[in-house]
C-alpha atoms as a PDB file:
ATOM      1  CA  UNK A   1     -34.855 -63.717   2.175  1.00  0.00           C
ATOM      2  CA  UNK A   2     -31.679 -62.043   1.177  1.00  0.00           C
ATOM      3  CA  UNK A   3     -33.538 -58.810   0.436  1.00  0.00           C
ATOM      4  CA  UNK A   4     -35.256 -58.881   3.826  1.00  0.00           C
ATOM      5  CA  UNK A   5     -31.935 -59.520   5.578  1.00  0.00           C
ATOM      6  CA  UNK A   6     -30.308 -56.613   3.710  1.00  0.00           C
ATOM      7  CA  UNK A   7     -33.162 -54.291   4.652  1.00  0.00           C
ATOM      8  CA  UNK A   8     -32.935 -55.336   8.298  1.00  0.00           C
ATOM      9  CA  UNK A   9     -29.181 -54.713   8.272  1.00  0.00           C
ATOM     10  CA  UNK A  10     -29.631 -51.303   6.670  1.00  0.00           C
ATOM     11  CA  UNK A  11     -32.304 -50.344   9.226  1.00  0.00           C
ATOM     12  CA  UNK A  12     -30.045 -51.419  12.099  1.00  0.00           C
ATOM     13  CA  UNK A  13     -27.192 -49.290  10.703  1.00  0.00           C
ATOM     14  CA  UNK A  14     -29.446 -46.219  10.421  1.00  0.00           C
ATOM     15  CA  UNK A  15     -30.638 -46.651  14.013  1.00  0.00           C
ATOM     16  CA  UNK A  16     -27.018 -46.933  15.204  1.00  0.00           C
ATOM     17  CA  UNK A  17     -26.039 -43.710  13.389  1.00  0.00           C
ATOM     18  CA  UNK A  18     -29.031 -41.841  14.834  1.00  0.00           C
ATOM     19  CA  UNK A  19     -28.187 -43.021  18.341  1.00  0.00           C
ATOM     20  CA  UNK A  20     -24.562 -41.926  17.972  1.00  0.00           C
ATOM     21  CA  UNK A  21     -25.685 -38.529  16.755  1.00  0.00           C
ATOM     22  CA  UNK A  22     -27.782 -38.028  19.871  1.00  0.00           C
ATOM     23  CA  UNK A  23     -24.894 -38.759  22.260  1.00  0.00           C
ATOM     24  CA  UNK A  24     -23.758 -35.676  24.194  1.00  0.00           C
ATOM     25  CA  UNK A  25     -20.742 -35.263  26.405  1.00  0.00           C
ATOM     26  CA  UNK A  26     -21.608 -32.993  29.306  1.00  0.00           C
ATOM     27  CA  UNK A  27     -18.200 -32.795  31.025  1.00  0.00           C
ATOM     28  CA  UNK A  28     -15.712 -32.060  28.310  1.00  0.00           C
ATOM     29  CA  UNK A  29     -12.104 -31.897  29.406  1.00  0.00           C
ATOM     30  CA  UNK A  30      -9.528 -30.044  27.354  1.00  0.00           C
ATOM     31  CA  UNK A  31      -6.473 -32.241  27.304  1.00  0.00           C
ATOM     32  CA  UNK A  32      -4.262 -29.915  25.299  1.00  0.00           C
ATOM     33  CA  UNK A  33      -4.063 -26.948  22.966  1.00  0.00           C
ATOM     34  CA  UNK A  34      -3.294 -27.420  19.303  1.00  0.00           C
ATOM     35  CA  UNK A  35      -2.808 -24.342  17.113  1.00  0.00           C
ATOM     36  CA  UNK A  36      -4.181 -25.300  13.737  1.00  0.00           C
ATOM     37  CA  UNK A  37      -4.060 -21.845  12.139  1.00  0.00           C
ATOM     38  CA  UNK A  38      -2.253 -18.684  13.184  1.00  0.00           C
ATOM     39  CA  UNK A  39      -2.283 -15.571  10.985  1.00  0.00           C
ATOM     40  CA  UNK A  40      -0.391 -13.286  13.322  1.00  0.00           C
ATOM     41  CA  UNK A  41       2.894 -13.557  11.404  1.00  0.00           C
ATOM     42  CA  UNK A  42       1.127 -12.961   8.098  1.00  0.00           C
ATOM     43  CA  UNK A  43      -0.546  -9.883   9.524  1.00  0.00           C
ATOM     44  CA  UNK A  44       2.781  -8.571  10.782  1.00  0.00           C
ATOM     45  CA  UNK A  45       4.176  -8.971   7.295  1.00  0.00           C
ATOM     46  CA  UNK A  46       1.107  -7.219   5.910  1.00  0.00           C
ATOM     47  CA  UNK A  47       1.678  -4.314   8.276  1.00  0.00           C
ATOM     48  CA  UNK A  48       5.311  -3.955   7.200  1.00  0.00           C
ATOM     49  CA  UNK A  49       4.271  -4.019   3.544  1.00  0.00           C
ATOM     50  CA  UNK A  50       1.573  -1.402   4.173  1.00  0.00           C
ATOM     51  CA  UNK A  51       4.030   0.884   5.977  1.00  0.00           C
ATOM     52  CA  UNK A  52       6.520   0.493   3.137  1.00  0.00           C
ATOM     53  CA  UNK A  53       3.861   1.475   0.616  1.00  0.00           C
ATOM     54  CA  UNK A  54       2.964   4.550   2.670  1.00  0.00           C
ATOM     55  CA  UNK A  55       6.589   5.674   2.745  1.00  0.00           C
ATOM     56  CA  UNK A  56       6.706   5.417  -1.036  1.00  0.00           C
ATOM     57  CA  UNK A  57       3.291   7.004  -1.635  1.00  0.00           C
ATOM     58  CA  UNK A  58       0.984   7.962   1.267  1.00  0.00           C
ATOM     59  CA  UNK A  59      -2.443   6.398   0.884  1.00  0.00           C
ATOM     60  CA  UNK A  60      -1.308   3.212  -0.816  1.00  0.00           C
ATOM     61  CA  UNK A  61      -0.669   1.502   2.511  1.00  0.00           C
ATOM     62  CA  UNK A  62      -4.162   2.368   3.737  1.00  0.00           C
ATOM     63  CA  UNK A  63      -5.657   1.104   0.494  1.00  0.00           C
ATOM     64  CA  UNK A  64      -3.678  -2.115   1.008  1.00  0.00           C
ATOM     65  CA  UNK A  65      -5.321  -2.692   4.408  1.00  0.00           C
ATOM     66  CA  UNK A  66      -8.773  -1.769   3.071  1.00  0.00           C
ATOM     67  CA  UNK A  67      -9.106   1.771   4.443  1.00  0.00           C
ATOM     68  CA  UNK A  68     -10.111   3.637   1.256  1.00  0.00           C
ATOM     69  CA  UNK A  69     -11.264   6.861   2.949  1.00  0.00           C
ATOM     70  CA  UNK A  70      -7.957   7.347   4.762  1.00  0.00           C
ATOM     71  CA  UNK A  71      -6.131   6.384   1.577  1.00  0.00           C
ATOM     72  CA  UNK A  72      -7.926   9.130  -0.344  1.00  0.00           C
ATOM     73  CA  UNK A  73      -7.112  11.746   2.305  1.00  0.00           C
ATOM     74  CA  UNK A  74      -3.386  10.952   2.458  1.00  0.00           C
ATOM     75  CA  UNK A  75      -3.050  10.591  -1.307  1.00  0.00           C
ATOM     76  CA  UNK A  76      -4.854  13.911  -1.917  1.00  0.00           C
ATOM     77  CA  UNK A  77      -2.616  15.681   0.598  1.00  0.00           C
ATOM     78  CA  UNK A  78       0.482  14.240  -1.061  1.00  0.00           C
ATOM     79  CA  UNK A  79      -0.590  15.247  -4.565  1.00  0.00           C
ATOM     80  CA  UNK A  80      -1.482  18.765  -3.370  1.00  0.00           C
ATOM     81  CA  UNK A  81       1.910  19.133  -1.669  1.00  0.00           C
ATOM     82  CA  UNK A  82       3.730  17.866  -4.751  1.00  0.00           C
ATOM     83  CA  UNK A  83       1.785  20.268  -6.959  1.00  0.00           C
ATOM     84  CA  UNK A  84       2.575  23.189  -4.631  1.00  0.00           C
ATOM     85  CA  UNK A  85       6.285  22.329  -4.502  1.00  0.00           C
ATOM     86  CA  UNK A  86       6.547  22.189  -8.303  1.00  0.00           C
ATOM     87  CA  UNK A  87       4.517  25.346  -8.920  1.00  0.00           C
ATOM     88  CA  UNK A  88       6.332  27.529  -6.387  1.00  0.00           C
ATOM     89  CA  UNK A  89       9.735  26.235  -7.450  1.00  0.00           C
ATOM     90  CA  UNK A  90       8.860  27.183 -11.028  1.00  0.00           C
ATOM     91  CA  UNK A  91       7.759  30.656  -9.908  1.00  0.00           C
ATOM     92  CA  UNK A  92      10.984  31.086  -7.943  1.00  0.00           C
ATOM     93  CA  UNK A  93      13.128  30.081 -10.893  1.00  0.00           C
ATOM     94  CA  UNK A  94      11.168  32.392 -13.200  1.00  0.00           C
ATOM     95  CA  UNK A  95      11.583  35.403 -10.880  1.00  0.00           C
ATOM     96  CA  UNK A  96      15.292  34.744 -10.494  1.00  0.00           C
ATOM     97  CA  UNK A  97      15.789  34.585 -14.253  1.00  0.00           C
ATOM     98  CA  UNK A  98      13.774  37.804 -14.646  1.00  0.00           C
ATOM     99  CA  UNK A  99      15.955  39.537 -12.050  1.00  0.00           C
ATOM    100  CA  UNK A 100      19.163  38.488 -13.778  1.00  0.00           C
ATOM    101  CA  UNK A 101      17.870  39.506 -17.187  1.00  0.00           C
ATOM    102  CA  UNK A 102      16.867  42.881 -15.750  1.00  0.00           C
ATOM    103  CA  UNK A 103      20.337  43.320 -14.211  1.00  0.00           C
ATOM    104  CA  UNK A 104      22.051  42.384 -17.474  1.00  0.00           C
ATOM    105  CA  UNK A 105      20.065  45.017 -19.361  1.00  0.00           C
ATOM    106  CA  UNK A 106      19.964  47.806 -16.757  1.00  0.00           C
ATOM    107  CA  UNK A 107      23.473  47.437 -15.259  1.00  0.00           C
ATOM    108  CA  UNK A 108      25.278  46.584 -18.487  1.00  0.00           C
ATOM    109  CA  UNK A 109      26.482  43.097 -17.565  1.00  0.00           C
ATOM    110  CA  UNK A 110      28.266  41.576 -20.552  1.00  0.00           C
ATOM    111  CA  UNK A 111      28.855  38.080 -19.199  1.00  0.00           C
ATOM    112  CA  UNK A 112      27.628  37.131 -15.756  1.00  0.00           C
ATOM    113  CA  UNK A 113      30.068  35.499 -13.376  1.00  0.00           C
ATOM    114  CA  UNK A 114      28.845  32.017 -12.381  1.00  0.00           C
ATOM    115  CA  UNK A 115      27.655  31.516  -8.844  1.00  0.00           C
ATOM    116  CA  UNK A 116      25.010  32.891  -6.518  1.00  0.00           C
ATOM    117  CA  UNK A 117      27.526  35.150  -4.748  1.00  0.00           C
ATOM    118  CA  UNK A 118      27.972  37.258  -7.881  1.00  0.00           C
ATOM    119  CA  UNK A 119      24.269  38.087  -8.103  1.00  0.00           C
ATOM    120  CA  UNK A 120      24.220  39.022  -4.428  1.00  0.00           C
ATOM    121  CA  UNK A 121      27.084  41.435  -5.030  1.00  0.00           C
ATOM    122  CA  UNK A 122      25.242  42.944  -7.990  1.00  0.00           C
ATOM    123  CA  UNK A 123      22.364  43.800  -5.682  1.00  0.00           C
ATOM    124  CA  UNK A 124      24.548  44.972  -2.801  1.00  0.00           C
ATOM    125  CA  UNK A 125      26.810  47.451  -4.669  1.00  0.00           C
ATOM    126  CA  UNK A 126      26.119  50.162  -7.218  1.00  0.00           C
ATOM    127  CA  UNK A 127      28.952  48.969  -9.442  1.00  0.00           C
ATOM    128  CA  UNK A 128      31.818  46.508  -9.632  1.00  0.00           C
ATOM    129  CA  UNK A 129      34.366  49.206  -8.724  1.00  0.00           C
ATOM    130  CA  UNK A 130      32.629  49.796  -5.398  1.00  0.00           C
ATOM    131  CA  UNK A 131      32.669  46.092  -4.696  1.00  0.00           C
ATOM    132  CA  UNK A 132      36.361  45.708  -5.605  1.00  0.00           C
ATOM    133  CA  UNK A 133      37.241  48.642  -3.378  1.00  0.00           C
ATOM    134  CA  UNK A 134      35.387  47.003  -0.502  1.00  0.00           C
ATOM    135  CA  UNK A 135      37.330  43.771  -1.045  1.00  0.00           C
ATOM    136  CA  UNK A 136      40.675  45.601  -1.084  1.00  0.00           C
ATOM    137  CA  UNK A 137      39.863  47.499   2.104  1.00  0.00           C
ATOM    138  CA  UNK A 138      38.940  44.271   3.903  1.00  0.00           C
ATOM    139  CA  UNK A 139      42.175  42.684   2.640  1.00  0.00           C
ATOM    140  CA  UNK A 140      40.371  39.667   1.260  1.00  0.00           C
ATOM    141  CA  UNK A 141      41.834  37.301  -1.318  1.00  0.00           C
ATOM    142  CA  UNK A 142      42.534  38.968  -4.663  1.00  0.00           C
ATOM    143  CA  UNK A 143      40.639  36.129  -6.354  1.00  0.00           C
ATOM    144  CA  UNK A 144      37.457  37.665  -4.958  1.00  0.00           C
ATOM    145  CA  UNK A 145      37.915  40.725  -7.202  1.00  0.00           C
ATOM    146  CA  UNK A 146      35.980  41.052 -10.442  1.00  0.00           C
ATOM    147  CA  UNK A 147      38.755  41.935 -12.890  1.00  0.00           C
ATOM    148  CA  UNK A 148      37.161  40.796 -16.125  1.00  0.00           C
ATOM    149  CA  UNK A 149      35.270  43.780 -17.674  1.00  0.00           C
ATOM    150  CA  UNK A 150      32.538  41.393 -18.845  1.00  0.00           C
ATOM    151  CA  UNK A 151      31.686  40.768 -15.179  1.00  0.00           C
ATOM    152  CA  UNK A 152      31.417  44.452 -14.293  1.00  0.00           C
ATOM    153  CA  UNK A 153      28.129  46.190 -13.675  1.00  0.00           C
ATOM    154  CA  UNK A 154      26.977  49.719 -12.973  1.00  0.00           C
ATOM    155  CA  UNK A 155      23.470  50.766 -11.927  1.00  0.00           C
ATOM    156  CA  UNK A 156      22.217  54.040 -13.351  1.00  0.00           C
ATOM    157  CA  UNK A 157      20.408  54.875 -10.099  1.00  0.00           C
ATOM    158  CA  UNK A 158      19.290  53.399  -6.799  1.00  0.00           C
ATOM    159  CA  UNK A 159      15.764  52.707  -8.022  1.00  0.00           C
ATOM    160  CA  UNK A 160      16.990  50.186 -10.606  1.00  0.00           C
ATOM    161  CA  UNK A 161      19.054  48.367  -8.032  1.00  0.00           C
ATOM    162  CA  UNK A 162      16.037  48.268  -5.715  1.00  0.00           C
ATOM    163  CA  UNK A 163      13.884  46.850  -8.502  1.00  0.00           C
ATOM    164  CA  UNK A 164      16.447  44.106  -9.041  1.00  0.00           C
ATOM    165  CA  UNK A 165      16.540  43.299  -5.326  1.00  0.00           C
ATOM    166  CA  UNK A 166      12.735  43.208  -5.170  1.00  0.00           C
ATOM    167  CA  UNK A 167      12.641  40.642  -7.967  1.00  0.00           C
ATOM    168  CA  UNK A 168      15.215  38.517  -6.162  1.00  0.00           C
ATOM    169  CA  UNK A 169      13.287  38.781  -2.907  1.00  0.00           C
ATOM    170  CA  UNK A 170      10.148  37.490  -4.620  1.00  0.00           C
ATOM    171  CA  UNK A 171      12.196  34.598  -6.003  1.00  0.00           C
ATOM    172  CA  UNK A 172      13.403  33.781  -2.486  1.00  0.00           C
ATOM    173  CA  UNK A 173       9.868  33.944  -1.103  1.00  0.00           C
ATOM    174  CA  UNK A 174       8.608  31.497  -3.708  1.00  0.00           C
ATOM    175  CA  UNK A 175      11.542  29.207  -2.980  1.00  0.00           C
ATOM    176  CA  UNK A 176      10.685  29.207   0.730  1.00  0.00           C
ATOM    177  CA  UNK A 177       7.082  28.320  -0.156  1.00  0.00           C
ATOM    178  CA  UNK A 178       8.342  25.467  -2.344  1.00  0.00           C
ATOM    179  CA  UNK A 179      10.476  24.195   0.548  1.00  0.00           C
ATOM    180  CA  UNK A 180       7.406  24.291   2.798  1.00  0.00           C
ATOM    181  CA  UNK A 181       5.515  21.991   0.427  1.00  0.00           C
ATOM    182  CA  UNK A 182       8.520  19.665   0.199  1.00  0.00           C
ATOM    183  CA  UNK A 183       8.454  19.473   4.000  1.00  0.00           C
ATOM    184  CA  UNK A 184       4.730  18.696   3.818  1.00  0.00           C
ATOM    185  CA  UNK A 185       5.527  15.714   1.585  1.00  0.00           C
ATOM    186  CA  UNK A 186       7.874  14.349   4.246  1.00  0.00           C
ATOM    187  CA  UNK A 187       5.431  14.992   7.103  1.00  0.00           C
ATOM    188  CA  UNK A 188       2.586  13.337   5.186  1.00  0.00           C
ATOM    189  CA  UNK A 189       4.633  10.171   4.834  1.00  0.00           C
ATOM    190  CA  UNK A 190       5.497  10.124   8.517  1.00  0.00           C
ATOM    191  CA  UNK A 191       1.875  10.657   9.568  1.00  0.00           C
ATOM    192  CA  UNK A 192       0.517   7.979   7.240  1.00  0.00           C
ATOM    193  CA  UNK A 193       3.109   5.470   8.443  1.00  0.00           C
ATOM    194  CA  UNK A 194       2.420   6.210  12.124  1.00  0.00           C
ATOM    195  CA  UNK A 195      -1.314   5.954  11.476  1.00  0.00           C
ATOM    196  CA  UNK A 196      -0.824   2.492   9.995  1.00  0.00           C
ATOM    197  CA  UNK A 197       1.323   1.477  12.946  1.00  0.00           C
ATOM    198  CA  UNK A 198      -1.416   2.475  15.394  1.00  0.00           C
ATOM    199  CA  UNK A 199      -4.016   0.689  13.267  1.00  0.00           C
ATOM    200  CA  UNK A 200      -1.766  -2.374  13.175  1.00  0.00           C
ATOM    201  CA  UNK A 201      -1.581  -2.583  16.948  1.00  0.00           C
ATOM    202  CA  UNK A 202      -5.370  -2.675  17.087  1.00  0.00           C
ATOM    203  CA  UNK A 203      -6.068  -5.122  14.315  1.00  0.00           C
ATOM    204  CA  UNK A 204      -3.302  -6.300  12.040  1.00  0.00           C
ATOM    205  CA  UNK A 205      -1.061  -7.518  14.833  1.00  0.00           C
ATOM    206  CA  UNK A 206      -3.805  -9.369  16.704  1.00  0.00           C
ATOM    207  CA  UNK A 207      -3.386 -13.146  16.723  1.00  0.00           C
ATOM    208  CA  UNK A 208      -6.119 -15.377  15.326  1.00  0.00           C
ATOM    209  CA  UNK A 209      -6.035 -19.103  16.013  1.00  0.00           C
ATOM    210  CA  UNK A 210      -8.114 -22.250  16.255  1.00  0.00           C
ATOM    211  CA  UNK A 211      -7.678 -24.625  19.212  1.00  0.00           C
ATOM    212  CA  UNK A 212      -8.749 -28.274  19.277  1.00  0.00           C
ATOM    213  CA  UNK A 213     -10.109 -29.850  22.469  1.00  0.00           C
ATOM    214  CA  UNK A 214     -10.474 -33.591  22.985  1.00  0.00           C
ATOM    215  CA  UNK A 215     -12.249 -35.445  25.799  1.00  0.00           C
ATOM    216  CA  UNK A 216     -10.200 -38.041  27.788  1.00  0.00           C
ATOM    217  CA  UNK A 217     -12.163 -41.016  26.494  1.00  0.00           C
ATOM    218  CA  UNK A 218     -12.054 -39.659  22.934  1.00  0.00           C
ATOM    219  CA  UNK A 219     -15.854 -39.578  22.945  1.00  0.00           C
ATOM    220  CA  UNK A 220     -16.049 -35.953  21.923  1.00  0.00           C
ATOM    221  CA  UNK A 221     -14.001 -33.239  20.261  1.00  0.00           C
ATOM    222  CA  UNK A 222     -14.351 -29.541  19.578  1.00  0.00           C
ATOM    223  CA  UNK A 223     -12.745 -26.659  17.666  1.00  0.00           C
ATOM    224  CA  UNK A 224     -12.450 -23.287  19.413  1.00  0.00           C
ATOM    225  CA  UNK A 225     -11.813 -19.930  17.645  1.00  0.00           C
ATOM    226  CA  UNK A 226      -9.697 -17.438  19.619  1.00  0.00           C
ATOM    227  CA  UNK A 227      -8.244 -14.004  18.885  1.00  0.00           C
ATOM    228  CA  UNK A 228      -6.144 -11.428  20.772  1.00  0.00           C
ATOM    229  CA  UNK A 229      -7.224  -7.784  21.048  1.00  0.00           C
END
């Protein structure tokens, strides 16, 4: 008897659960909005982190937001610019050293005066006496004179002086090229950061949230997914 009663009770419970499962609420009224999950702030923080990474090394920010193709492009451009800046700076320095060595040997410079101005004067005048005379005629400061014999120079002919100036001009050209690549490094960082900002407005900064809706008689409830584009 007890077993039959238990079975009857179990059957009644199963029928009640099945009936409840088949109940539908046709007119559902949303009584309020409850934000259960909002990732907008997290995405904003992600965007800031990505932009910071791009300023440090272009491409890393794009890799951070799962854009590997863009990351490869920006990173490749940065490495190429860095390589160009280093190579051309090295060429510039090498040409400048060659020019000064040539001047020391051809113009008889015992001990070069420190400073870029001295090497410009070496290329502008045939000898130190001509330079000193020019300074005296212009009534410039006497400190501008080269009085130490070790700083004097004298070109044997115009062709040697021209060769020296040509070497220095090549050094300047390489230095300009190096500066161009340094500028490219800066521009690449700006472009990658702006690109992330535009991407962030489209996706990273969009809000994602879940909203709960409850019927007035508490006979039904729902969960709605919403996002902003």
